[in-house]
Amino acid sequence: MDHPARTHEDFVQSYYGAHHREKTPLMDLKNFDIIKQIIIADRLHLFDYGVTRTMLKGWKSGKLGGGAKWSEETISKIDALLKEVELPLEFHRKLRSVEDIGFWKASEFQMFLHYASFIVLKDVLTDVQYDHFMKYYCAVTLLSSEVYKNDWLEAKRLLRDFVLEYGVIYGEHCITSNIHSLLHVYDFFFYSGVTVQKGRIA
């Protein structure tokens, strides 16, 4: 986590060994930084279909960190709460049962994260898991609008803590490229001027 950040200059010099397979024509562009100006991940794949889906499916199946599989009683409890969640008008579908998360669309994982997760998961996860998840929730929320721009550095700290604790709670073998990519989200936003809006990166 504390390894020096990659740089354009080192990339040009093929400093990163096996990472370099062949020369890219992007290197011929003037005033272009191949590290700072390349999109590392979009909202849909990094957050919605990425971290949020991975954690939700992992908890449900018991495959994330070897925890207990959610019982039918737990799933029924969650589904009952999901039915009570009032969503903004821009969302045209209700949240489906947790039993159907294998068929959820990205917008459903997004809705779950922003409007239901902090309520639904409170009495389902352990205190350690819930506090850990809330760091992710708060960070993504802070990065969702320019209104919170003064707090983006705090979001960066929260994501760093989230990634660090992820390996402790669930095991280092569970740290995927999506989890690791959270360490670079702030820098990408800072250099590109985008935000993670509740619907898209813009």
N, C-alpha and C. Protein backbone atom coordinates (compact mmCIF):
# COMPACT_ATOMS: atom_id res chain seq x y z
N MET A 1 0.81 -1.21 0.00
CA MET A 1 0.00 0.00 0.00
C MET A 1 0.85 1.27 0.00
N ASP A 2 2.08 1.17 0.45
CA ASP A 2 2.94 2.34 0.54
C ASP A 2 4.01 2.36 -0.55
N HIS A 3 3.84 1.53 -1.57
CA HIS A 3 4.78 1.51 -2.68
C HIS A 3 4.69 2.83 -3.43
N PRO A 4 5.82 3.39 -3.90
CA PRO A 4 5.78 4.66 -4.64
C PRO A 4 4.82 4.58 -5.83
N ALA A 5 4.09 5.66 -6.05
CA ALA A 5 3.13 5.70 -7.15
C ALA A 5 3.85 5.63 -8.49
N ARG A 6 3.21 5.00 -9.46
CA ARG A 6 3.80 4.94 -10.79
C ARG A 6 3.79 6.33 -11.43
N THR A 7 4.74 6.54 -12.33
CA THR A 7 4.84 7.84 -13.00
C THR A 7 4.91 7.65 -14.51
N HIS A 8 4.58 8.70 -15.22
CA HIS A 8 4.63 8.68 -16.68
C HIS A 8 6.06 8.44 -17.15
N GLU A 9 6.99 9.11 -16.50
CA GLU A 9 8.40 9.01 -16.91
C GLU A 9 8.91 7.57 -16.79
N ASP A 10 8.58 6.92 -15.69
CA ASP A 10 9.02 5.54 -15.51
C ASP A 10 8.32 4.61 -16.50
N PHE A 11 7.08 4.92 -16.83
CA PHE A 11 6.35 4.09 -17.80
C PHE A 11 7.02 4.20 -19.17
N VAL A 12 7.42 5.40 -19.55
CA VAL A 12 8.10 5.62 -20.83
C VAL A 12 9.39 4.80 -20.89
N GLN A 13 10.07 4.68 -19.76
CA GLN A 13 11.33 3.95 -19.70
C GLN A 13 11.13 2.45 -19.48
N SER A 14 9.86 1.99 -19.56
CA SER A 14 9.54 0.56 -19.35
C SER A 14 10.08 0.05 -18.03
N TYR A 15 9.94 0.88 -17.01
CA TYR A 15 10.47 0.56 -15.69
C TYR A 15 9.70 -0.56 -14.99
N TYR A 16 8.46 -0.82 -15.45
CA TYR A 16 7.58 -1.73 -14.72
C TYR A 16 7.58 -3.16 -15.25
N GLY A 17 8.69 -3.56 -15.80
CA GLY A 17 8.92 -4.96 -16.16
C GLY A 17 7.84 -5.63 -16.98
N ALA A 18 7.32 -6.73 -16.45
CA ALA A 18 6.35 -7.56 -17.18
C ALA A 18 5.05 -6.83 -17.48
N HIS A 19 4.83 -5.70 -16.81
CA HIS A 19 3.62 -4.92 -17.09
C HIS A 19 3.61 -4.41 -18.53
N HIS A 20 4.81 -4.22 -19.10
CA HIS A 20 4.93 -3.70 -20.46
C HIS A 20 4.97 -4.86 -21.46
N ARG A 21 3.97 -4.95 -22.31
CA ARG A 21 3.94 -6.03 -23.30
C ARG A 21 4.38 -5.53 -24.67
N GLU A 22 3.91 -4.36 -25.03
CA GLU A 22 4.35 -3.75 -26.28
C GLU A 22 4.13 -2.25 -26.18
N LYS A 23 4.76 -1.50 -27.02
CA LYS A 23 4.66 -0.04 -26.95
C LYS A 23 3.28 0.41 -27.42
N THR A 24 2.70 1.34 -26.69
CA THR A 24 1.40 1.88 -27.06
C THR A 24 1.55 3.21 -27.80
N PRO A 25 0.74 3.45 -28.82
CA PRO A 25 0.81 4.73 -29.55
C PRO A 25 0.42 5.92 -28.67
N LEU A 26 -0.17 5.66 -27.51
CA LEU A 26 -0.51 6.75 -26.60
C LEU A 26 0.75 7.48 -26.13
N MET A 27 1.87 6.77 -26.16
CA MET A 27 3.13 7.38 -25.73
C MET A 27 3.58 8.49 -26.67
N ASP A 28 3.05 8.51 -27.88
CA ASP A 28 3.44 9.52 -28.86
C ASP A 28 2.64 10.82 -28.74
N LEU A 29 1.61 10.80 -27.89
CA LEU A 29 0.80 12.00 -27.71
C LEU A 29 1.56 13.04 -26.89
N LYS A 30 1.44 14.29 -27.30
CA LYS A 30 2.09 15.37 -26.56
C LYS A 30 1.20 15.82 -25.40
N ASN A 31 1.84 16.25 -24.35
CA ASN A 31 1.11 16.75 -23.17
C ASN A 31 0.11 15.73 -22.63
N PHE A 32 0.51 14.47 -22.64
CA PHE A 32 -0.36 13.40 -22.15
C PHE A 32 0.38 12.57 -21.13
N ASP A 33 -0.24 12.41 -19.96
CA ASP A 33 0.34 11.62 -18.88
C ASP A 33 -0.39 10.29 -18.82
N ILE A 34 0.30 9.21 -19.18
CA ILE A 34 -0.35 7.91 -19.30
C ILE A 34 -0.78 7.33 -17.94
N ILE A 35 -0.24 7.86 -16.87
CA ILE A 35 -0.63 7.40 -15.54
C ILE A 35 -1.81 8.22 -15.01
N LYS A 36 -1.68 9.53 -15.07
CA LYS A 36 -2.70 10.40 -14.49
C LYS A 36 -3.93 10.60 -15.37
N GLN A 37 -3.79 10.38 -16.67
CA GLN A 37 -4.90 10.69 -17.57
C GLN A 37 -5.58 9.47 -18.18
N ILE A 38 -5.30 8.30 -17.64
CA ILE A 38 -5.98 7.08 -18.08
C ILE A 38 -7.02 6.71 -17.03
N ILE A 39 -8.25 6.46 -17.47
CA ILE A 39 -9.31 6.07 -16.54
C ILE A 39 -9.00 4.67 -16.01
N ILE A 40 -8.92 4.55 -14.70
CA ILE A 40 -8.59 3.25 -14.12
C ILE A 40 -9.83 2.36 -13.95
N ALA A 41 -10.98 2.99 -13.76
CA ALA A 41 -12.20 2.21 -13.59
C ALA A 41 -13.39 3.16 -13.63
N ASP A 42 -14.50 2.69 -14.13
CA ASP A 42 -15.70 3.50 -14.13
C ASP A 42 -16.57 3.14 -12.93
N ARG A 43 -17.53 3.99 -12.65
CA ARG A 43 -18.41 3.80 -11.50
C ARG A 43 -19.05 2.41 -11.50
N LEU A 44 -19.57 2.01 -12.65
CA LEU A 44 -20.31 0.76 -12.76
C LEU A 44 -19.44 -0.44 -12.37
N HIS A 45 -18.22 -0.51 -12.91
CA HIS A 45 -17.40 -1.70 -12.69
C HIS A 45 -16.59 -1.65 -11.39
N LEU A 46 -16.21 -0.47 -10.94
CA LEU A 46 -15.43 -0.39 -9.71
C LEU A 46 -16.30 -0.49 -8.47
N PHE A 47 -17.39 0.26 -8.44
CA PHE A 47 -18.24 0.29 -7.26
C PHE A 47 -19.44 -0.64 -7.36
N ASP A 48 -20.31 -0.42 -8.34
CA ASP A 48 -21.59 -1.13 -8.39
C ASP A 48 -21.42 -2.62 -8.67
N TYR A 49 -20.88 -2.95 -9.85
CA TYR A 49 -20.63 -4.35 -10.17
C TYR A 49 -19.32 -4.86 -9.56
N GLY A 50 -18.59 -3.96 -8.93
CA GLY A 50 -17.31 -4.33 -8.33
C GLY A 50 -17.42 -4.60 -6.85
N VAL A 51 -17.01 -3.62 -6.04
CA VAL A 51 -16.90 -3.81 -4.60
C VAL A 51 -18.24 -4.09 -3.94
N THR A 52 -19.27 -3.31 -4.28
CA THR A 52 -20.57 -3.49 -3.63
C THR A 52 -21.13 -4.88 -3.89
N ARG A 53 -21.11 -5.32 -5.15
CA ARG A 53 -21.64 -6.65 -5.48
C ARG A 53 -20.80 -7.75 -4.84
N THR A 54 -19.48 -7.60 -4.88
CA THR A 54 -18.60 -8.62 -4.29
C THR A 54 -18.89 -8.83 -2.82
N MET A 55 -19.05 -7.73 -2.09
CA MET A 55 -19.29 -7.85 -0.65
C MET A 55 -20.67 -8.43 -0.38
N LEU A 56 -21.67 -7.94 -1.08
CA LEU A 56 -23.04 -8.40 -0.83
C LEU A 56 -23.18 -9.89 -1.15
N LYS A 57 -22.65 -10.31 -2.29
CA LYS A 57 -22.72 -11.73 -2.65
C LYS A 57 -21.88 -12.58 -1.70
N GLY A 58 -20.74 -12.04 -1.28
CA GLY A 58 -19.87 -12.78 -0.36
C GLY A 58 -20.49 -12.99 1.00
N TRP A 59 -21.14 -11.96 1.52
CA TRP A 59 -21.82 -12.11 2.81
C TRP A 59 -22.96 -13.11 2.70
N LYS A 60 -23.73 -12.99 1.63
CA LYS A 60 -24.90 -13.85 1.46
C LYS A 60 -24.50 -15.32 1.38
N SER A 61 -23.45 -15.60 0.62
CA SER A 61 -23.03 -16.98 0.40
C SER A 61 -22.12 -17.52 1.50
N GLY A 62 -21.57 -16.62 2.30
CA GLY A 62 -20.63 -17.04 3.34
C GLY A 62 -19.23 -17.27 2.79
N LYS A 63 -19.00 -16.85 1.54
CA LYS A 63 -17.69 -17.08 0.92
C LYS A 63 -16.71 -15.93 1.12
N LEU A 64 -17.18 -14.83 1.71
CA LEU A 64 -16.29 -13.70 1.93
C LEU A 64 -15.68 -13.83 3.32
N GLY A 65 -14.45 -14.26 3.37
CA GLY A 65 -13.77 -14.40 4.65
C GLY A 65 -14.23 -15.59 5.48
N GLY A 66 -14.97 -16.50 4.85
CA GLY A 66 -15.38 -17.70 5.56
C GLY A 66 -16.44 -17.49 6.62
N GLY A 67 -17.22 -16.40 6.47
CA GLY A 67 -18.29 -16.16 7.44
C GLY A 67 -19.46 -17.09 7.24
N ALA A 68 -20.44 -16.98 8.11
CA ALA A 68 -21.62 -17.84 8.00
C ALA A 68 -22.52 -17.39 6.85
N LYS A 69 -23.07 -18.35 6.15
CA LYS A 69 -24.01 -18.07 5.08
C LYS A 69 -25.28 -17.47 5.67
N TRP A 70 -25.86 -16.49 4.98
CA TRP A 70 -27.09 -15.89 5.49
C TRP A 70 -28.21 -16.92 5.49
N SER A 71 -28.92 -17.02 6.58
CA SER A 71 -30.04 -17.95 6.70
C SER A 71 -31.27 -17.41 5.97
N GLU A 72 -32.25 -18.25 5.78
CA GLU A 72 -33.51 -17.83 5.17
C GLU A 72 -34.16 -16.74 6.02
N GLU A 73 -34.03 -16.86 7.32
CA GLU A 73 -34.60 -15.86 8.23
C GLU A 73 -33.94 -14.50 8.03
N THR A 74 -32.61 -14.51 7.89
CA THR A 74 -31.87 -13.26 7.67
C THR A 74 -32.27 -12.63 6.34
N ILE A 75 -32.36 -13.44 5.30
CA ILE A 75 -32.74 -12.93 3.98
C ILE A 75 -34.15 -12.37 4.00
N SER A 76 -35.07 -13.03 4.69
CA SER A 76 -36.44 -12.54 4.79
C SER A 76 -36.48 -11.20 5.54
N LYS A 77 -35.64 -11.08 6.56
CA LYS A 77 -35.55 -9.84 7.33
C LYS A 77 -35.04 -8.70 6.45
N ILE A 78 -34.01 -8.99 5.66
CA ILE A 78 -33.45 -7.99 4.76
C ILE A 78 -34.47 -7.58 3.71
N ASP A 79 -35.14 -8.56 3.12
CA ASP A 79 -36.13 -8.28 2.07
C ASP A 79 -37.27 -7.41 2.60
N ALA A 80 -37.68 -7.66 3.85
CA ALA A 80 -38.75 -6.87 4.45
C ALA A 80 -38.31 -5.41 4.59
N LEU A 81 -37.05 -5.20 4.96
CA LEU A 81 -36.53 -3.84 5.08
C LEU A 81 -36.40 -3.17 3.72
N LEU A 82 -35.97 -3.94 2.71
CA LEU A 82 -35.82 -3.39 1.37
C LEU A 82 -37.15 -2.87 0.82
N LYS A 83 -38.23 -3.54 1.17
CA LYS A 83 -39.55 -3.12 0.69
C LYS A 83 -39.98 -1.79 1.30
N GLU A 84 -39.38 -1.46 2.45
CA GLU A 84 -39.75 -0.23 3.14
C GLU A 84 -38.92 0.97 2.67
N VAL A 85 -37.85 0.72 1.92
CA VAL A 85 -36.97 1.81 1.49
C VAL A 85 -37.66 2.66 0.42
N GLU A 86 -37.72 3.96 0.66
CA GLU A 86 -38.30 4.88 -0.32
C GLU A 86 -37.17 5.43 -1.18
N LEU A 87 -37.26 5.16 -2.47
CA LEU A 87 -36.22 5.57 -3.40
C LEU A 87 -36.59 6.87 -4.10
N PRO A 88 -35.59 7.66 -4.53
CA PRO A 88 -35.86 8.88 -5.28
C PRO A 88 -36.58 8.57 -6.59
N LEU A 89 -37.26 9.55 -7.13
CA LEU A 89 -38.07 9.36 -8.33
C LEU A 89 -37.25 8.95 -9.55
N GLU A 90 -35.95 9.31 -9.57
CA GLU A 90 -35.15 8.97 -10.75
C GLU A 90 -34.90 7.48 -10.90
N PHE A 91 -35.13 6.72 -9.85
CA PHE A 91 -35.00 5.27 -9.95
C PHE A 91 -36.37 4.67 -10.26
N HIS A 92 -36.45 3.94 -11.35
CA HIS A 92 -37.73 3.47 -11.85
C HIS A 92 -38.03 2.02 -11.48
N ARG A 93 -37.25 1.44 -10.61
CA ARG A 93 -37.51 0.07 -10.19
C ARG A 93 -37.28 -0.07 -8.69
N LYS A 94 -38.02 -0.96 -8.09
CA LYS A 94 -37.84 -1.26 -6.68
C LYS A 94 -36.68 -2.23 -6.53
N LEU A 95 -36.10 -2.27 -5.35
CA LEU A 95 -35.06 -3.24 -5.07
C LEU A 95 -35.67 -4.64 -5.00
N ARG A 96 -35.04 -5.57 -5.69
CA ARG A 96 -35.52 -6.95 -5.66
C ARG A 96 -34.97 -7.69 -4.46
N SER A 97 -35.45 -8.88 -4.26
CA SER A 97 -35.01 -9.71 -3.14
C SER A 97 -33.50 -9.97 -3.20
N VAL A 98 -32.91 -10.11 -2.02
CA VAL A 98 -31.49 -10.46 -1.94
C VAL A 98 -31.25 -11.83 -2.57
N GLU A 99 -32.27 -12.66 -2.61
CA GLU A 99 -32.16 -13.96 -3.27
C GLU A 99 -31.81 -13.80 -4.74
N ASP A 100 -32.16 -12.65 -5.31
CA ASP A 100 -31.97 -12.43 -6.75
C ASP A 100 -30.75 -11.58 -7.08
N ILE A 101 -29.83 -11.40 -6.13
CA ILE A 101 -28.71 -10.50 -6.41
C ILE A 101 -27.84 -10.95 -7.58
N GLY A 102 -27.92 -12.23 -7.92
CA GLY A 102 -27.18 -12.70 -9.10
C GLY A 102 -27.72 -12.10 -10.37
N PHE A 103 -28.94 -11.54 -10.31
CA PHE A 103 -29.57 -10.94 -11.48
C PHE A 103 -29.73 -9.42 -11.35
N TRP A 104 -29.26 -8.87 -10.23
CA TRP A 104 -29.37 -7.43 -10.04
C TRP A 104 -28.58 -6.68 -11.11
N LYS A 105 -29.12 -5.54 -11.51
CA LYS A 105 -28.41 -4.65 -12.42
C LYS A 105 -27.54 -3.70 -11.60
N ALA A 106 -26.63 -3.01 -12.27
CA ALA A 106 -25.73 -2.10 -11.57
C ALA A 106 -26.51 -1.06 -10.78
N SER A 107 -27.61 -0.57 -11.36
CA SER A 107 -28.40 0.46 -10.68
C SER A 107 -28.97 -0.05 -9.36
N GLU A 108 -29.23 -1.35 -9.26
CA GLU A 108 -29.77 -1.91 -8.03
C GLU A 108 -28.70 -1.97 -6.94
N PHE A 109 -27.47 -2.32 -7.33
CA PHE A 109 -26.39 -2.30 -6.35
C PHE A 109 -26.12 -0.87 -5.90
N GLN A 110 -26.25 0.07 -6.83
CA GLN A 110 -26.06 1.48 -6.52
C GLN A 110 -27.14 1.96 -5.55
N MET A 111 -28.38 1.60 -5.83
CA MET A 111 -29.48 1.98 -4.95
C MET A 111 -29.29 1.37 -3.57
N PHE A 112 -28.89 0.10 -3.56
CA PHE A 112 -28.68 -0.58 -2.28
C PHE A 112 -27.63 0.16 -1.46
N LEU A 113 -26.50 0.50 -2.10
CA LEU A 113 -25.42 1.16 -1.38
C LEU A 113 -25.87 2.49 -0.79
N HIS A 114 -26.46 3.34 -1.63
CA HIS A 114 -26.76 4.70 -1.20
C HIS A 114 -28.02 4.85 -0.34
N TYR A 115 -28.98 3.98 -0.53
CA TYR A 115 -30.27 4.20 0.13
C TYR A 115 -30.73 3.10 1.08
N ALA A 116 -30.07 1.97 1.08
CA ALA A 116 -30.56 0.88 1.93
C ALA A 116 -29.48 0.24 2.81
N SER A 117 -28.26 0.20 2.34
CA SER A 117 -27.22 -0.59 3.00
C SER A 117 -27.01 -0.25 4.47
N PHE A 118 -26.93 1.03 4.78
CA PHE A 118 -26.62 1.43 6.15
C PHE A 118 -27.74 1.07 7.13
N ILE A 119 -28.93 0.84 6.62
CA ILE A 119 -30.05 0.42 7.46
C ILE A 119 -30.12 -1.12 7.50
N VAL A 120 -30.11 -1.71 6.31
CA VAL A 120 -30.29 -3.15 6.17
C VAL A 120 -29.18 -3.95 6.85
N LEU A 121 -27.95 -3.49 6.73
CA LEU A 121 -26.81 -4.27 7.21
C LEU A 121 -26.51 -4.09 8.69
N LYS A 122 -27.14 -3.11 9.31
CA LYS A 122 -26.84 -2.77 10.71
C LYS A 122 -26.95 -3.96 11.64
N ASP A 123 -28.01 -4.73 11.51
CA ASP A 123 -28.23 -5.86 12.41
C ASP A 123 -27.90 -7.21 11.77
N VAL A 124 -27.25 -7.16 10.60
CA VAL A 124 -26.91 -8.40 9.89
C VAL A 124 -25.42 -8.70 10.01
N LEU A 125 -24.60 -7.67 9.88
CA LEU A 125 -23.15 -7.84 9.96
C LEU A 125 -22.69 -7.75 11.41
N THR A 126 -21.49 -8.23 11.66
CA THR A 126 -20.89 -8.02 12.98
C THR A 126 -20.55 -6.54 13.10
N ASP A 127 -20.30 -6.08 14.31
CA ASP A 127 -19.96 -4.66 14.52
C ASP A 127 -18.70 -4.29 13.73
N VAL A 128 -17.73 -5.19 13.71
CA VAL A 128 -16.48 -4.94 12.99
C VAL A 128 -16.74 -4.82 11.50
N GLN A 129 -17.52 -5.75 10.96
CA GLN A 129 -17.84 -5.71 9.53
C GLN A 129 -18.63 -4.47 9.17
N TYR A 130 -19.59 -4.11 10.01
CA TYR A 130 -20.45 -2.95 9.72
C TYR A 130 -19.64 -1.66 9.75
N ASP A 131 -18.82 -1.48 10.78
CA ASP A 131 -17.99 -0.27 10.86
C ASP A 131 -17.05 -0.18 9.67
N HIS A 132 -16.52 -1.32 9.27
CA HIS A 132 -15.64 -1.37 8.11
C HIS A 132 -16.39 -0.99 6.84
N PHE A 133 -17.57 -1.55 6.64
CA PHE A 133 -18.38 -1.23 5.47
C PHE A 133 -18.74 0.25 5.42
N MET A 134 -19.04 0.84 6.57
CA MET A 134 -19.44 2.24 6.61
C MET A 134 -18.33 3.18 6.15
N LYS A 135 -17.09 2.76 6.26
CA LYS A 135 -15.99 3.56 5.73
C LYS A 135 -16.10 3.64 4.21
N TYR A 136 -16.43 2.52 3.60
CA TYR A 136 -16.65 2.47 2.15
C TYR A 136 -17.86 3.32 1.77
N TYR A 137 -18.96 3.13 2.47
CA TYR A 137 -20.19 3.88 2.21
C TYR A 137 -19.94 5.39 2.30
N CYS A 138 -19.31 5.82 3.39
CA CYS A 138 -19.07 7.25 3.59
C CYS A 138 -18.13 7.82 2.54
N ALA A 139 -17.10 7.08 2.19
CA ALA A 139 -16.14 7.55 1.19
C ALA A 139 -16.81 7.73 -0.18
N VAL A 140 -17.59 6.74 -0.61
CA VAL A 140 -18.26 6.84 -1.90
C VAL A 140 -19.27 7.98 -1.89
N THR A 141 -19.95 8.18 -0.76
CA THR A 141 -20.89 9.28 -0.65
C THR A 141 -20.19 10.62 -0.76
N LEU A 142 -19.05 10.78 -0.08
CA LEU A 142 -18.30 12.04 -0.14
C LEU A 142 -17.82 12.33 -1.56
N LEU A 143 -17.47 11.27 -2.28
CA LEU A 143 -16.96 11.44 -3.64
C LEU A 143 -18.07 11.60 -4.68
N SER A 144 -19.32 11.56 -4.22
CA SER A 144 -20.44 11.57 -5.15
C SER A 144 -20.85 12.96 -5.62
N SER A 145 -20.25 13.99 -5.02
CA SER A 145 -20.67 15.34 -5.39
C SER A 145 -19.57 16.36 -5.13
N GLU A 146 -19.54 17.39 -5.97
CA GLU A 146 -18.61 18.51 -5.77
C GLU A 146 -18.90 19.22 -4.46
N VAL A 147 -20.12 19.09 -3.96
CA VAL A 147 -20.50 19.74 -2.70
C VAL A 147 -19.57 19.30 -1.57
N TYR A 148 -19.11 18.05 -1.65
CA TYR A 148 -18.25 17.50 -0.59
C TYR A 148 -16.76 17.58 -0.93
N LYS A 149 -16.40 18.38 -1.91
CA LYS A 149 -15.02 18.38 -2.40
C LYS A 149 -14.01 18.67 -1.29
N ASN A 150 -14.38 19.51 -0.34
CA ASN A 150 -13.46 19.82 0.77
C ASN A 150 -13.20 18.59 1.64
N ASP A 151 -14.02 17.57 1.49
CA ASP A 151 -13.87 16.36 2.29
C ASP A 151 -13.31 15.19 1.48
N TRP A 152 -12.88 15.43 0.26
CA TRP A 152 -12.37 14.34 -0.57
C TRP A 152 -11.11 13.70 0.01
N LEU A 153 -10.29 14.50 0.68
CA LEU A 153 -9.10 13.92 1.31
C LEU A 153 -9.50 12.95 2.42
N GLU A 154 -10.59 13.28 3.11
CA GLU A 154 -11.10 12.36 4.13
C GLU A 154 -11.60 11.08 3.49
N ALA A 155 -12.23 11.21 2.31
CA ALA A 155 -12.68 10.04 1.57
C ALA A 155 -11.49 9.17 1.19
N LYS A 156 -10.39 9.79 0.79
CA LYS A 156 -9.18 9.05 0.46
C LYS A 156 -8.68 8.27 1.66
N ARG A 157 -8.69 8.91 2.85
CA ARG A 157 -8.24 8.24 4.07
C ARG A 157 -9.16 7.07 4.41
N LEU A 158 -10.46 7.28 4.25
CA LEU A 158 -11.42 6.22 4.55
C LEU A 158 -11.23 5.02 3.63
N LEU A 159 -10.98 5.28 2.35
CA LEU A 159 -10.78 4.18 1.40
C LEU A 159 -9.48 3.44 1.69
N ARG A 160 -8.47 4.17 2.10
CA ARG A 160 -7.20 3.53 2.46
C ARG A 160 -7.40 2.62 3.67
N ASP A 161 -8.09 3.13 4.68
CA ASP A 161 -8.37 2.31 5.86
C ASP A 161 -9.22 1.10 5.49
N PHE A 162 -10.19 1.32 4.59
CA PHE A 162 -11.06 0.23 4.15
C PHE A 162 -10.27 -0.89 3.51
N VAL A 163 -9.35 -0.53 2.60
CA VAL A 163 -8.54 -1.54 1.91
C VAL A 163 -7.62 -2.25 2.90
N LEU A 164 -7.00 -1.50 3.78
CA LEU A 164 -6.09 -2.08 4.77
C LEU A 164 -6.83 -3.08 5.67
N GLU A 165 -8.00 -2.68 6.15
CA GLU A 165 -8.77 -3.53 7.05
C GLU A 165 -9.45 -4.69 6.32
N TYR A 166 -9.67 -4.53 5.03
CA TYR A 166 -10.31 -5.59 4.24
C TYR A 166 -9.50 -6.88 4.32
N GLY A 167 -8.20 -6.73 4.17
CA GLY A 167 -7.33 -7.91 4.24
C GLY A 167 -7.30 -8.54 5.61
N VAL A 168 -7.43 -7.71 6.66
CA VAL A 168 -7.42 -8.22 8.03
C VAL A 168 -8.72 -8.96 8.34
N ILE A 169 -9.85 -8.38 7.93
CA ILE A 169 -11.16 -8.95 8.25
C ILE A 169 -11.49 -10.17 7.40
N TYR A 170 -11.21 -10.07 6.08
CA TYR A 170 -11.64 -11.12 5.17
C TYR A 170 -10.50 -11.98 4.61
N GLY A 171 -9.27 -11.55 4.84
CA GLY A 171 -8.12 -12.29 4.34
C GLY A 171 -7.51 -11.61 3.13
N GLU A 172 -6.20 -11.61 3.07
CA GLU A 172 -5.51 -10.93 1.97
C GLU A 172 -5.86 -11.54 0.62
N HIS A 173 -6.23 -12.83 0.60
CA HIS A 173 -6.58 -13.48 -0.65
C HIS A 173 -7.87 -12.91 -1.25
N CYS A 174 -8.62 -12.15 -0.46
CA CYS A 174 -9.87 -11.55 -0.94
C CYS A 174 -9.66 -10.15 -1.54
N ILE A 175 -8.43 -9.65 -1.48
CA ILE A 175 -8.16 -8.32 -2.03
C ILE A 175 -7.97 -8.44 -3.54
N THR A 176 -9.03 -8.10 -4.26
CA THR A 176 -9.02 -8.16 -5.72
C THR A 176 -8.47 -6.86 -6.30
N SER A 177 -8.36 -6.80 -7.62
CA SER A 177 -7.89 -5.56 -8.27
C SER A 177 -8.86 -4.42 -8.01
N ASN A 178 -10.17 -4.73 -7.91
CA ASN A 178 -11.15 -3.68 -7.61
C ASN A 178 -10.91 -3.09 -6.23
N ILE A 179 -10.66 -3.96 -5.25
CA ILE A 179 -10.39 -3.46 -3.90
C ILE A 179 -9.14 -2.60 -3.91
N HIS A 180 -8.09 -3.08 -4.56
CA HIS A 180 -6.85 -2.31 -4.64
C HIS A 180 -7.06 -0.97 -5.34
N SER A 181 -7.87 -0.96 -6.39
CA SER A 181 -8.08 0.27 -7.17
C SER A 181 -8.71 1.39 -6.35
N LEU A 182 -9.35 1.05 -5.24
CA LEU A 182 -9.93 2.08 -4.38
C LEU A 182 -8.85 3.03 -3.85
N LEU A 183 -7.61 2.54 -3.76
CA LEU A 183 -6.51 3.37 -3.28
C LEU A 183 -6.20 4.51 -4.24
N HIS A 184 -6.61 4.37 -5.50
CA HIS A 184 -6.25 5.35 -6.53
C HIS A 184 -7.41 6.24 -6.94
N VAL A 185 -8.58 6.03 -6.35
CA VAL A 185 -9.77 6.78 -6.76
C VAL A 185 -9.60 8.28 -6.53
N TYR A 186 -9.13 8.67 -5.37
CA TYR A 186 -8.99 10.11 -5.07
C TYR A 186 -8.08 10.80 -6.07
N ASP A 187 -6.92 10.20 -6.34
CA ASP A 187 -5.98 10.81 -7.26
C ASP A 187 -6.58 10.95 -8.65
N PHE A 188 -7.35 9.95 -9.06
CA PHE A 188 -8.00 10.03 -10.37
C PHE A 188 -8.99 11.19 -10.40
N PHE A 189 -9.77 11.35 -9.34
CA PHE A 189 -10.74 12.44 -9.29
C PHE A 189 -10.04 13.78 -9.26
N PHE A 190 -8.96 13.86 -8.47
CA PHE A 190 -8.25 15.12 -8.29
C PHE A 190 -7.65 15.61 -9.60
N TYR A 191 -7.04 14.68 -10.35
CA TYR A 191 -6.38 15.08 -11.60
C TYR A 191 -7.35 15.25 -12.76
N SER A 192 -8.44 14.50 -12.75
CA SER A 192 -9.36 14.55 -13.90
C SER A 192 -10.55 15.46 -13.68
N GLY A 193 -10.85 15.79 -12.41
CA GLY A 193 -11.97 16.65 -12.11
C GLY A 193 -13.33 15.98 -12.19
N VAL A 194 -13.38 14.64 -12.13
CA VAL A 194 -14.67 13.94 -12.18
C VAL A 194 -15.17 13.71 -10.76
N THR A 195 -16.42 13.30 -10.67
CA THR A 195 -16.99 12.87 -9.40
C THR A 195 -17.74 11.58 -9.62
N VAL A 196 -17.89 10.80 -8.54
CA VAL A 196 -18.70 9.60 -8.62
C VAL A 196 -20.12 10.03 -8.31
N GLN A 197 -20.89 10.34 -9.34
CA GLN A 197 -22.28 10.69 -9.11
C GLN A 197 -23.10 9.44 -8.92
N LYS A 198 -24.27 9.59 -8.32
CA LYS A 198 -25.12 8.44 -8.07
C LYS A 198 -25.79 8.03 -9.37
N GLY A 199 -25.01 7.56 -10.31
CA GLY A 199 -25.55 7.16 -11.58
C GLY A 199 -24.44 7.04 -12.62
N ARG A 200 -23.39 7.86 -12.44
CA ARG A 200 -22.33 7.83 -13.45
C ARG A 200 -21.10 8.57 -12.90
N ILE A 201 -20.00 8.38 -13.57
CA ILE A 201 -18.85 9.23 -13.30
C ILE A 201 -18.94 10.36 -14.31
N ALA A 202 -18.90 11.60 -13.85
CA ALA A 202 -19.11 12.72 -14.77
C ALA A 202 -18.09 13.83 -14.48
